[in-house]
Amino acid sequence: MRILSIQSSVAYGHVGNSAAVFPLQRRGHEVWPVATVQFSNHTGYGAWRGPLLAPADVAEVIAGIGDRGVLGSADAVLSGYQGDPAVGAVVLDAVAQVKALNPAAVYCCDPVIGDVGRGIFVRPGIPEYLRDSVVPTADIVTPNHFELDFLTGRTTQSLDEVLTAADALRSVGPRAVLVTSVVLPGTADSLDVVAVSDEGAWAVTTPLLPITPNGGGDLTAALFLAHLLETGSAETAVERTTNTVFAVLEATLTAGTRELQIVPTQEAIAHPPARFGARRLR
């Protein structure tokens, strides 16, 4: 598979394309990474260096790929954090170009808005832009629990409510929804990852690890896209993705570092463990 991935990039650590490209390649996919920023490290450190790329520059890189005559061979477009609506417009234009050349191509959007405990952490206007303009164009979306609630204007406190919200999201465009970090009342020691598609709905439950490193969502979106492209099964994709991400997080916790241990756990990327099984919800 060939994947055009338009995301941030950091030299040190693993967020954005720096969390997505290697896992996709380790799965055997060709990746065309396009950076929206080139920072020394992720912003969670509080200090970083490097440029925020102008939307016109990002568009130029994509245009250059188009000059090679290969955009029509892309099987998917992947996007993550969009720091400015103008960058989002560049992403949507790239999606339109790819789909015009290859109608079978899919667009996977990780709608980065915020998280439980932190609230909304992107610039004003971005959440609404994602909700109103970006998500309706996507074929696959991978919100966390907080983002699902924002995008659908709901407060979900049970798996049934999560499924109803996912269906509401699917009704505006996306065919597959992956909801990450679902923590429900009374389940403080575990979390669910929920996948909903035309074929049904599934959940994978794992222990809740005492770790929240940056880049986990970027890794998850990339792996779910990869497994969905490879198998066509949301059930298989959520099970394999969750098992791999848990292995990476567990290794990160053991290492005592704030950076995802993606390279040391690459075997779990290439060959997902079978520790946690997916159960059908409907």
C-alpha atoms as a PDB file:
ATOM      1  CA  MET A   1       0.000   0.000   0.000  1.00  0.00           C
ATOM      2  CA  ARG A   2       1.040   3.609  -0.577  1.00  0.00           C
ATOM      3  CA  ILE A   3       0.100   6.187   2.055  1.00  0.00           C
ATOM      4  CA  LEU A   4       0.424   9.974   1.870  1.00  0.00           C
ATOM      5  CA  SER A   5       0.903  11.071   5.496  1.00  0.00           C
ATOM      6  CA  ILE A   6       0.580  14.803   6.194  1.00  0.00           C
ATOM      7  CA  GLN A   7       1.559  15.530   9.792  1.00  0.00           C
ATOM      8  CA  SER A   8       4.039  17.220  12.082  1.00  0.00           C
ATOM      9  CA  SER A   9       7.594  15.947  12.298  1.00  0.00           C
ATOM     10  CA  VAL A  10      10.105  16.029  15.147  1.00  0.00           C
ATOM     11  CA  ALA A  11      13.798  15.185  15.107  1.00  0.00           C
ATOM     12  CA  TYR A  12      13.831  13.819  18.668  1.00  0.00           C
ATOM     13  CA  GLY A  13      11.076  11.515  19.820  1.00  0.00           C
ATOM     14  CA  HIS A  14       7.901  10.167  18.305  1.00  0.00           C
ATOM     15  CA  VAL A  15       4.865  12.267  17.467  1.00  0.00           C
ATOM     16  CA  GLY A  16       3.096  12.970  14.193  1.00  0.00           C
ATOM     17  CA  ASN A  17       4.917  11.495  11.227  1.00  0.00           C
ATOM     18  CA  SER A  18       7.763  10.602  13.577  1.00  0.00           C
ATOM     19  CA  ALA A  19       5.332   8.196  15.270  1.00  0.00           C
ATOM     20  CA  ALA A  20       3.493   7.056  12.140  1.00  0.00           C
ATOM     21  CA  VAL A  21       5.999   6.564   9.319  1.00  0.00           C
ATOM     22  CA  PHE A  22       8.251   3.855  10.757  1.00  0.00           C
ATOM     23  CA  PRO A  23       5.358   1.667  12.001  1.00  0.00           C
ATOM     24  CA  LEU A  24       3.696   1.915   8.596  1.00  0.00           C
ATOM     25  CA  GLN A  25       6.959   0.999   6.902  1.00  0.00           C
ATOM     26  CA  ARG A  26       7.493  -1.853   9.370  1.00  0.00           C
ATOM     27  CA  ARG A  27       4.109  -3.155   8.260  1.00  0.00           C
ATOM     28  CA  GLY A  28       5.447  -3.143   4.694  1.00  0.00           C
ATOM     29  CA  HIS A  29       3.772  -0.006   3.377  1.00  0.00           C
ATOM     30  CA  GLU A  30       5.290   2.737   1.245  1.00  0.00           C
ATOM     31  CA  VAL A  31       4.881   6.107   2.989  1.00  0.00           C
ATOM     32  CA  TRP A  32       5.194   9.586   1.539  1.00  0.00           C
ATOM     33  CA  PRO A  33       5.642  11.802   4.630  1.00  0.00           C
ATOM     34  CA  VAL A  34       4.815  15.487   4.277  1.00  0.00           C
ATOM     35  CA  ALA A  35       5.736  17.629   7.277  1.00  0.00           C
ATOM     36  CA  THR A  36       3.546  20.458   8.542  1.00  0.00           C
ATOM     37  CA  VAL A  37       6.153  21.445  11.157  1.00  0.00           C
ATOM     38  CA  GLN A  38       9.780  20.466  11.634  1.00  0.00           C
ATOM     39  CA  PHE A  39      10.487  20.767  15.337  1.00  0.00           C
ATOM     40  CA  SER A  40      13.390  19.575  17.439  1.00  0.00           C
ATOM     41  CA  ASN A  41      10.983  17.772  19.800  1.00  0.00           C
ATOM     42  CA  HIS A  42       7.298  17.713  20.674  1.00  0.00           C
ATOM     43  CA  THR A  43       5.798  20.722  22.404  1.00  0.00           C
ATOM     44  CA  GLY A  44       4.996  18.789  25.578  1.00  0.00           C
ATOM     45  CA  TYR A  45       8.514  19.599  26.757  1.00  0.00           C
ATOM     46  CA  GLY A  46       7.531  23.276  26.927  1.00  0.00           C
ATOM     47  CA  ALA A  47      10.442  24.365  24.728  1.00  0.00           C
ATOM     48  CA  TRP A  48      11.338  23.422  21.178  1.00  0.00           C
ATOM     49  CA  ARG A  49      13.035  24.781  18.086  1.00  0.00           C
ATOM     50  CA  GLY A  50      12.306  24.681  14.404  1.00  0.00           C
ATOM     51  CA  PRO A  51       9.802  26.046  11.915  1.00  0.00           C
ATOM     52  CA  LEU A  52       6.058  25.833  11.603  1.00  0.00           C
ATOM     53  CA  LEU A  53       5.799  25.374   7.851  1.00  0.00           C
ATOM     54  CA  ALA A  54       3.625  27.749   5.872  1.00  0.00           C
ATOM     55  CA  PRO A  55       0.552  26.140   4.302  1.00  0.00           C
ATOM     56  CA  ALA A  56       1.815  27.200   0.879  1.00  0.00           C
ATOM     57  CA  ASP A  57       5.071  25.326   1.487  1.00  0.00           C
ATOM     58  CA  VAL A  58       3.196  22.183   2.526  1.00  0.00           C
ATOM     59  CA  ALA A  59       1.086  22.478  -0.634  1.00  0.00           C
ATOM     60  CA  GLU A  60       4.261  22.840  -2.729  1.00  0.00           C
ATOM     61  CA  VAL A  61       5.634  19.556  -1.409  1.00  0.00           C
ATOM     62  CA  ILE A  62       2.386  17.794  -2.266  1.00  0.00           C
ATOM     63  CA  ALA A  63       2.397  19.433  -5.697  1.00  0.00           C
ATOM     64  CA  GLY A  64       5.918  18.120  -6.217  1.00  0.00           C
ATOM     65  CA  ILE A  65       4.725  14.590  -5.461  1.00  0.00           C
ATOM     66  CA  GLY A  66       1.973  15.198  -7.987  1.00  0.00           C
ATOM     67  CA  ASP A  67       4.593  16.227 -10.547  1.00  0.00           C
ATOM     68  CA  ARG A  68       6.007  12.718 -10.307  1.00  0.00           C
ATOM     69  CA  GLY A  69       2.655  11.423 -11.515  1.00  0.00           C
ATOM     70  CA  VAL A  70       2.144   9.143  -8.530  1.00  0.00           C
ATOM     71  CA  LEU A  71      -0.680  10.702  -6.509  1.00  0.00           C
ATOM     72  CA  GLY A  72      -3.168   8.457  -8.276  1.00  0.00           C
ATOM     73  CA  SER A  73      -1.351   5.401  -6.957  1.00  0.00           C
ATOM     74  CA  ALA A  74      -1.904   6.412  -3.325  1.00  0.00           C
ATOM     75  CA  ASP A  75      -4.197   4.044  -1.461  1.00  0.00           C
ATOM     76  CA  ALA A  76      -4.752   6.385   1.478  1.00  0.00           C
ATOM     77  CA  VAL A  77      -4.172   9.832   2.926  1.00  0.00           C
ATOM     78  CA  LEU A  78      -3.451  10.098   6.652  1.00  0.00           C
ATOM     79  CA  SER A  79      -3.587  13.322   8.671  1.00  0.00           C
ATOM     80  CA  GLY A  80      -3.190  14.221  12.321  1.00  0.00           C
ATOM     81  CA  TYR A  81      -2.774  17.473  14.219  1.00  0.00           C
ATOM     82  CA  GLN A  82      -3.810  20.476  12.141  1.00  0.00           C
ATOM     83  CA  GLY A  83      -2.513  23.628  13.766  1.00  0.00           C
ATOM     84  CA  ASP A  84      -4.282  26.012  11.422  1.00  0.00           C
ATOM     85  CA  PRO A  85      -7.400  25.840   9.233  1.00  0.00           C
ATOM     86  CA  ALA A  86      -5.197  26.838   6.291  1.00  0.00           C
ATOM     87  CA  VAL A  87      -3.172  23.650   6.777  1.00  0.00           C
ATOM     88  CA  GLY A  88      -6.427  21.733   7.011  1.00  0.00           C
ATOM     89  CA  ALA A  89      -7.470  23.192   3.675  1.00  0.00           C
ATOM     90  CA  VAL A  90      -4.209  21.937   2.151  1.00  0.00           C
ATOM     91  CA  VAL A  91      -4.922  18.462   3.514  1.00  0.00           C
ATOM     92  CA  LEU A  92      -8.455  18.472   2.118  1.00  0.00           C
ATOM     93  CA  ASP A  93      -7.153  19.628  -1.265  1.00  0.00           C
ATOM     94  CA  ALA A  94      -4.640  16.769  -1.259  1.00  0.00           C
ATOM     95  CA  VAL A  95      -7.411  14.303  -0.404  1.00  0.00           C
ATOM     96  CA  ALA A  96      -9.511  15.676  -3.264  1.00  0.00           C
ATOM     97  CA  GLN A  97      -6.592  15.328  -5.696  1.00  0.00           C
ATOM     98  CA  VAL A  98      -5.864  11.755  -4.665  1.00  0.00           C
ATOM     99  CA  LYS A  99      -9.508  10.701  -4.804  1.00  0.00           C
ATOM    100  CA  ALA A 100     -10.028  12.340  -8.191  1.00  0.00           C
ATOM    101  CA  LEU A 101      -7.220  10.151  -9.532  1.00  0.00           C
ATOM    102  CA  ASN A 102      -8.075   7.068  -7.458  1.00  0.00           C
ATOM    103  CA  PRO A 103     -11.686   6.959  -6.214  1.00  0.00           C
ATOM    104  CA  ALA A 104     -10.875   3.839  -4.178  1.00  0.00           C
ATOM    105  CA  ALA A 105      -8.400   5.734  -1.991  1.00  0.00           C
ATOM    106  CA  VAL A 106      -9.432   6.427   1.602  1.00  0.00           C
ATOM    107  CA  TYR A 107      -8.817   9.353   3.928  1.00  0.00           C
ATOM    108  CA  CYS A 108      -8.026   8.619   7.578  1.00  0.00           C
ATOM    109  CA  CYS A 109      -8.250  11.613   9.900  1.00  0.00           C
ATOM    110  CA  ASP A 110      -7.111  11.694  13.509  1.00  0.00           C
ATOM    111  CA  PRO A 111      -9.165  14.703  14.691  1.00  0.00           C
ATOM    112  CA  VAL A 112      -6.787  16.070  17.317  1.00  0.00           C
ATOM    113  CA  ILE A 113      -8.725  18.418  19.613  1.00  0.00           C
ATOM    114  CA  GLY A 114      -8.036  17.595  23.254  1.00  0.00           C
ATOM    115  CA  ASP A 115      -8.291  14.954  25.924  1.00  0.00           C
ATOM    116  CA  VAL A 116      -9.885  14.135  29.269  1.00  0.00           C
ATOM    117  CA  GLY A 117      -8.197  16.116  32.033  1.00  0.00           C
ATOM    118  CA  ARG A 118      -6.581  18.565  29.616  1.00  0.00           C
ATOM    119  CA  GLY A 119      -9.655  19.756  27.766  1.00  0.00           C
ATOM    120  CA  ILE A 120      -9.218  21.398  24.377  1.00  0.00           C
ATOM    121  CA  PHE A 121      -5.560  22.141  23.690  1.00  0.00           C
ATOM    122  CA  VAL A 122      -5.602  23.247  20.041  1.00  0.00           C
ATOM    123  CA  ARG A 123      -6.018  26.801  18.781  1.00  0.00           C
ATOM    124  CA  PRO A 124      -9.493  28.403  18.818  1.00  0.00           C
ATOM    125  CA  GLY A 125     -11.448  27.560  15.708  1.00  0.00           C
ATOM    126  CA  ILE A 126      -9.652  24.274  15.046  1.00  0.00           C
ATOM    127  CA  PRO A 127     -12.199  22.027  16.849  1.00  0.00           C
ATOM    128  CA  GLU A 128     -15.100  23.524  14.912  1.00  0.00           C
ATOM    129  CA  TYR A 129     -13.168  23.346  11.637  1.00  0.00           C
ATOM    130  CA  LEU A 130     -12.453  19.671  12.194  1.00  0.00           C
ATOM    131  CA  ARG A 131     -16.063  18.980  13.121  1.00  0.00           C
ATOM    132  CA  ASP A 132     -17.672  20.927  10.291  1.00  0.00           C
ATOM    133  CA  SER A 133     -15.205  20.647   7.397  1.00  0.00           C
ATOM    134  CA  VAL A 134     -12.696  17.846   7.893  1.00  0.00           C
ATOM    135  CA  VAL A 135     -14.495  14.946   9.568  1.00  0.00           C
ATOM    136  CA  PRO A 136     -17.353  14.880   7.007  1.00  0.00           C
ATOM    137  CA  THR A 137     -14.789  14.299   4.225  1.00  0.00           C
ATOM    138  CA  ALA A 138     -13.026  11.421   6.005  1.00  0.00           C
ATOM    139  CA  ASP A 139     -13.608   7.732   5.437  1.00  0.00           C
ATOM    140  CA  ILE A 140     -11.973   6.754   8.740  1.00  0.00           C
ATOM    141  CA  VAL A 141     -11.745   8.854  11.919  1.00  0.00           C
ATOM    142  CA  THR A 142      -9.911   7.995  15.132  1.00  0.00           C
ATOM    143  CA  PRO A 143     -11.079  10.328  17.922  1.00  0.00           C
ATOM    144  CA  ASN A 144     -10.365   9.677  21.567  1.00  0.00           C
ATOM    145  CA  HIS A 145     -13.285   9.580  24.002  1.00  0.00           C
ATOM    146  CA  PHE A 146     -13.125  13.324  24.682  1.00  0.00           C
ATOM    147  CA  GLU A 147     -12.987  14.152  20.982  1.00  0.00           C
ATOM    148  CA  LEU A 148     -15.906  11.854  20.165  1.00  0.00           C
ATOM    149  CA  ASP A 149     -18.035  13.727  22.687  1.00  0.00           C
ATOM    150  CA  PHE A 150     -17.005  17.109  21.275  1.00  0.00           C
ATOM    151  CA  LEU A 151     -17.570  16.140  17.662  1.00  0.00           C
ATOM    152  CA  THR A 152     -21.048  14.799  18.393  1.00  0.00           C
ATOM    153  CA  GLY A 153     -22.107  17.264  21.110  1.00  0.00           C
ATOM    154  CA  ARG A 154     -22.693  14.466  23.605  1.00  0.00           C
ATOM    155  CA  THR A 155     -21.509  13.185  26.973  1.00  0.00           C
ATOM    156  CA  THR A 156     -21.071   9.437  26.690  1.00  0.00           C
ATOM    157  CA  GLN A 157     -20.916   7.377  29.887  1.00  0.00           C
ATOM    158  CA  SER A 158     -21.619   3.843  28.677  1.00  0.00           C
ATOM    159  CA  LEU A 159     -20.574   1.683  25.745  1.00  0.00           C
ATOM    160  CA  ASP A 160     -24.096   1.955  24.331  1.00  0.00           C
ATOM    161  CA  GLU A 161     -23.793   5.737  24.380  1.00  0.00           C
ATOM    162  CA  VAL A 162     -20.354   5.527  22.763  1.00  0.00           C
ATOM    163  CA  LEU A 163     -21.835   3.397  19.981  1.00  0.00           C
ATOM    164  CA  THR A 164     -24.699   5.853  19.490  1.00  0.00           C
ATOM    165  CA  ALA A 165     -22.226   8.741  19.268  1.00  0.00           C
ATOM    166  CA  ALA A 166     -20.042   6.796  16.822  1.00  0.00           C
ATOM    167  CA  ASP A 167     -23.108   6.173  14.663  1.00  0.00           C
ATOM    168  CA  ALA A 168     -23.889   9.886  14.763  1.00  0.00           C
ATOM    169  CA  LEU A 169     -20.359  10.595  13.583  1.00  0.00           C
ATOM    170  CA  ARG A 170     -20.639   8.011  10.834  1.00  0.00           C
ATOM    171  CA  SER A 171     -23.878   9.589   9.658  1.00  0.00           C
ATOM    172  CA  VAL A 172     -22.018  12.721   8.502  1.00  0.00           C
ATOM    173  CA  GLY A 173     -19.495  10.871   6.349  1.00  0.00           C
ATOM    174  CA  PRO A 174     -16.942   8.480   7.886  1.00  0.00           C
ATOM    175  CA  ARG A 175     -17.636   4.788   7.412  1.00  0.00           C
ATOM    176  CA  ALA A 176     -15.294   3.559  10.134  1.00  0.00           C
ATOM    177  CA  VAL A 177     -14.780   5.118  13.567  1.00  0.00           C
ATOM    178  CA  LEU A 178     -12.132   4.097  16.071  1.00  0.00           C
ATOM    179  CA  VAL A 179     -12.685   5.539  19.547  1.00  0.00           C
ATOM    180  CA  THR A 180      -9.600   5.376  21.752  1.00  0.00           C
ATOM    181  CA  SER A 181      -9.107   5.811  25.503  1.00  0.00           C
ATOM    182  CA  VAL A 182     -12.704   5.066  26.441  1.00  0.00           C
ATOM    183  CA  VAL A 183     -12.807   5.214  30.239  1.00  0.00           C
ATOM    184  CA  LEU A 184     -16.290   4.777  31.678  1.00  0.00           C
ATOM    185  CA  PRO A 185     -17.628   5.365  35.198  1.00  0.00           C
ATOM    186  CA  GLY A 186     -16.737   2.452  37.441  1.00  0.00           C
ATOM    187  CA  THR A 187     -13.857   1.238  35.246  1.00  0.00           C
ATOM    188  CA  ALA A 188     -10.954   3.317  36.533  1.00  0.00           C
ATOM    189  CA  ASP A 189      -8.442   0.475  36.137  1.00  0.00           C
ATOM    190  CA  SER A 190      -9.167  -0.339  32.479  1.00  0.00           C
ATOM    191  CA  LEU A 191     -10.022   1.291  29.201  1.00  0.00           C
ATOM    192  CA  ASP A 192     -11.725   0.287  25.977  1.00  0.00           C
ATOM    193  CA  VAL A 193     -10.859   0.880  22.365  1.00  0.00           C
ATOM    194  CA  VAL A 194     -14.002   0.720  20.229  1.00  0.00           C
ATOM    195  CA  ALA A 195     -14.297   0.238  16.472  1.00  0.00           C
ATOM    196  CA  VAL A 196     -17.541   0.794  14.577  1.00  0.00           C
ATOM    197  CA  SER A 197     -18.073   0.098  10.888  1.00  0.00           C
ATOM    198  CA  ASP A 198     -20.798  -1.021   8.503  1.00  0.00           C
ATOM    199  CA  GLU A 199     -20.063  -4.608   9.562  1.00  0.00           C
ATOM    200  CA  GLY A 200     -20.614  -4.085  13.290  1.00  0.00           C
ATOM    201  CA  ALA A 201     -18.956  -2.832  16.454  1.00  0.00           C
ATOM    202  CA  TRP A 202     -16.179  -4.271  18.611  1.00  0.00           C
ATOM    203  CA  ALA A 203     -14.300  -3.357  21.761  1.00  0.00           C
ATOM    204  CA  VAL A 204     -10.922  -4.356  23.134  1.00  0.00           C
ATOM    205  CA  THR A 205     -10.339  -3.869  26.872  1.00  0.00           C
ATOM    206  CA  THR A 206      -6.857  -3.403  28.332  1.00  0.00           C
ATOM    207  CA  PRO A 207      -5.493  -2.381  31.717  1.00  0.00           C
ATOM    208  CA  LEU A 208      -5.153   1.370  32.144  1.00  0.00           C
ATOM    209  CA  LEU A 209      -1.442   2.036  32.378  1.00  0.00           C
ATOM    210  CA  PRO A 210      -0.189   5.018  34.457  1.00  0.00           C
ATOM    211  CA  ILE A 211       1.357   6.694  31.423  1.00  0.00           C
ATOM    212  CA  THR A 212       0.205   9.298  28.895  1.00  0.00           C
ATOM    213  CA  PRO A 213       3.062   9.873  26.454  1.00  0.00           C
ATOM    214  CA  ASN A 214       2.715  12.167  23.475  1.00  0.00           C
ATOM    215  CA  GLY A 215       2.238  10.479  20.121  1.00  0.00           C
ATOM    216  CA  GLY A 216       0.077   7.553  21.190  1.00  0.00           C
ATOM    217  CA  GLY A 217      -2.853   8.748  19.116  1.00  0.00           C
ATOM    218  CA  ASP A 218      -0.633   9.268  16.059  1.00  0.00           C
ATOM    219  CA  LEU A 219       0.686   5.717  16.372  1.00  0.00           C
ATOM    220  CA  THR A 220      -2.807   4.325  16.870  1.00  0.00           C
ATOM    221  CA  ALA A 221      -4.290   6.082  13.824  1.00  0.00           C
ATOM    222  CA  ALA A 222      -1.459   4.888  11.582  1.00  0.00           C
ATOM    223  CA  LEU A 223      -1.721   1.280  12.738  1.00  0.00           C
ATOM    224  CA  PHE A 224      -5.506   1.154  12.496  1.00  0.00           C
ATOM    225  CA  LEU A 225      -5.350   2.512   8.952  1.00  0.00           C
ATOM    226  CA  ALA A 226      -2.675  -0.044   8.061  1.00  0.00           C
ATOM    227  CA  HIS A 227      -4.550  -3.018   9.475  1.00  0.00           C
ATOM    228  CA  LEU A 228      -7.849  -1.901   7.949  1.00  0.00           C
ATOM    229  CA  LEU A 229      -6.212  -1.546   4.540  1.00  0.00           C
ATOM    230  CA  GLU A 230      -4.523  -4.938   4.914  1.00  0.00           C
ATOM    231  CA  THR A 231      -7.515  -6.934   6.125  1.00  0.00           C
ATOM    232  CA  GLY A 232     -10.683  -4.963   5.356  1.00  0.00           C
ATOM    233  CA  SER A 233     -11.869  -5.953   8.841  1.00  0.00           C
ATOM    234  CA  ALA A 234     -12.479  -3.370  11.579  1.00  0.00           C
ATOM    235  CA  GLU A 235     -12.559  -6.218  14.104  1.00  0.00           C
ATOM    236  CA  THR A 236      -9.103  -7.446  13.153  1.00  0.00           C
ATOM    237  CA  ALA A 237      -7.789  -3.896  12.845  1.00  0.00           C
ATOM    238  CA  VAL A 238      -8.884  -2.812  16.330  1.00  0.00           C
ATOM    239  CA  GLU A 239      -7.576  -6.010  17.910  1.00  0.00           C
ATOM    240  CA  ARG A 240      -4.154  -5.869  16.263  1.00  0.00           C
ATOM    241  CA  THR A 241      -3.807  -2.116  16.764  1.00  0.00           C
ATOM    242  CA  THR A 242      -4.711  -2.224  20.437  1.00  0.00           C
ATOM    243  CA  ASN A 243      -2.351  -5.090  21.184  1.00  0.00           C
ATOM    244  CA  THR A 244       0.569  -3.371  19.473  1.00  0.00           C
ATOM    245  CA  VAL A 245      -0.058   0.010  21.082  1.00  0.00           C
ATOM    246  CA  PHE A 246      -0.359  -1.602  24.515  1.00  0.00           C
ATOM    247  CA  ALA A 247       2.974  -3.348  23.976  1.00  0.00           C
ATOM    248  CA  VAL A 248       4.583  -0.035  23.028  1.00  0.00           C
ATOM    249  CA  LEU A 249       3.088   1.753  26.036  1.00  0.00           C
ATOM    250  CA  GLU A 250       4.091  -1.041  28.394  1.00  0.00           C
ATOM    251  CA  ALA A 251       7.681  -0.911  27.105  1.00  0.00           C
ATOM    252  CA  THR A 252       7.666   2.886  27.435  1.00  0.00           C
ATOM    253  CA  LEU A 253       6.505   2.622  31.046  1.00  0.00           C
ATOM    254  CA  THR A 254       9.166   0.013  31.818  1.00  0.00           C
ATOM    255  CA  ALA A 255      11.852   2.175  30.224  1.00  0.00           C
ATOM    256  CA  GLY A 256      10.827   5.139  32.374  1.00  0.00           C
ATOM    257  CA  THR A 257      10.885   7.523  29.422  1.00  0.00           C
ATOM    258  CA  ARG A 258       8.345   9.982  28.062  1.00  0.00           C
ATOM    259  CA  GLU A 259       9.104   9.021  24.448  1.00  0.00           C
ATOM    260  CA  LEU A 260       7.288   6.072  22.875  1.00  0.00           C
ATOM    261  CA  GLN A 261       9.497   3.002  22.582  1.00  0.00           C
ATOM    262  CA  ILE A 262       8.552   2.361  18.981  1.00  0.00           C
ATOM    263  CA  VAL A 263      11.857   1.079  17.651  1.00  0.00           C
ATOM    264  CA  PRO A 264      12.538  -1.387  20.520  1.00  0.00           C
ATOM    265  CA  THR A 265       9.031  -2.839  20.115  1.00  0.00           C
ATOM    266  CA  GLN A 266       9.068  -3.086  16.332  1.00  0.00           C
ATOM    267  CA  GLU A 267       8.451  -6.833  16.447  1.00  0.00           C
ATOM    268  CA  ALA A 268       5.097  -6.098  18.095  1.00  0.00           C
ATOM    269  CA  ILE A 269       4.389  -3.786  15.165  1.00  0.00           C
ATOM    270  CA  ALA A 270       5.335  -6.357  12.554  1.00  0.00           C
ATOM    271  CA  HIS A 271       3.715  -9.224  14.448  1.00  0.00           C
ATOM    272  CA  PRO A 272       0.971  -7.946  16.787  1.00  0.00           C
ATOM    273  CA  PRO A 273       0.610  -9.925  20.025  1.00  0.00           C
ATOM    274  CA  ALA A 274      -2.651 -11.741  20.724  1.00  0.00           C
ATOM    275  CA  ARG A 275      -2.929 -10.749  24.363  1.00  0.00           C
ATOM    276  CA  PHE A 276      -6.280  -8.945  24.252  1.00  0.00           C
ATOM    277  CA  GLY A 277      -9.172 -10.112  22.103  1.00  0.00           C
ATOM    278  CA  ALA A 278     -11.897  -8.068  20.419  1.00  0.00           C
ATOM    279  CA  ARG A 279     -15.452  -8.752  21.536  1.00  0.00           C
ATOM    280  CA  ARG A 280     -18.451  -7.981  19.392  1.00  0.00           C
ATOM    281  CA  LEU A 281     -20.774  -5.315  20.781  1.00  0.00           C
ATOM    282  CA  ARG A 282     -23.364  -5.716  18.040  1.00  0.00           C
END
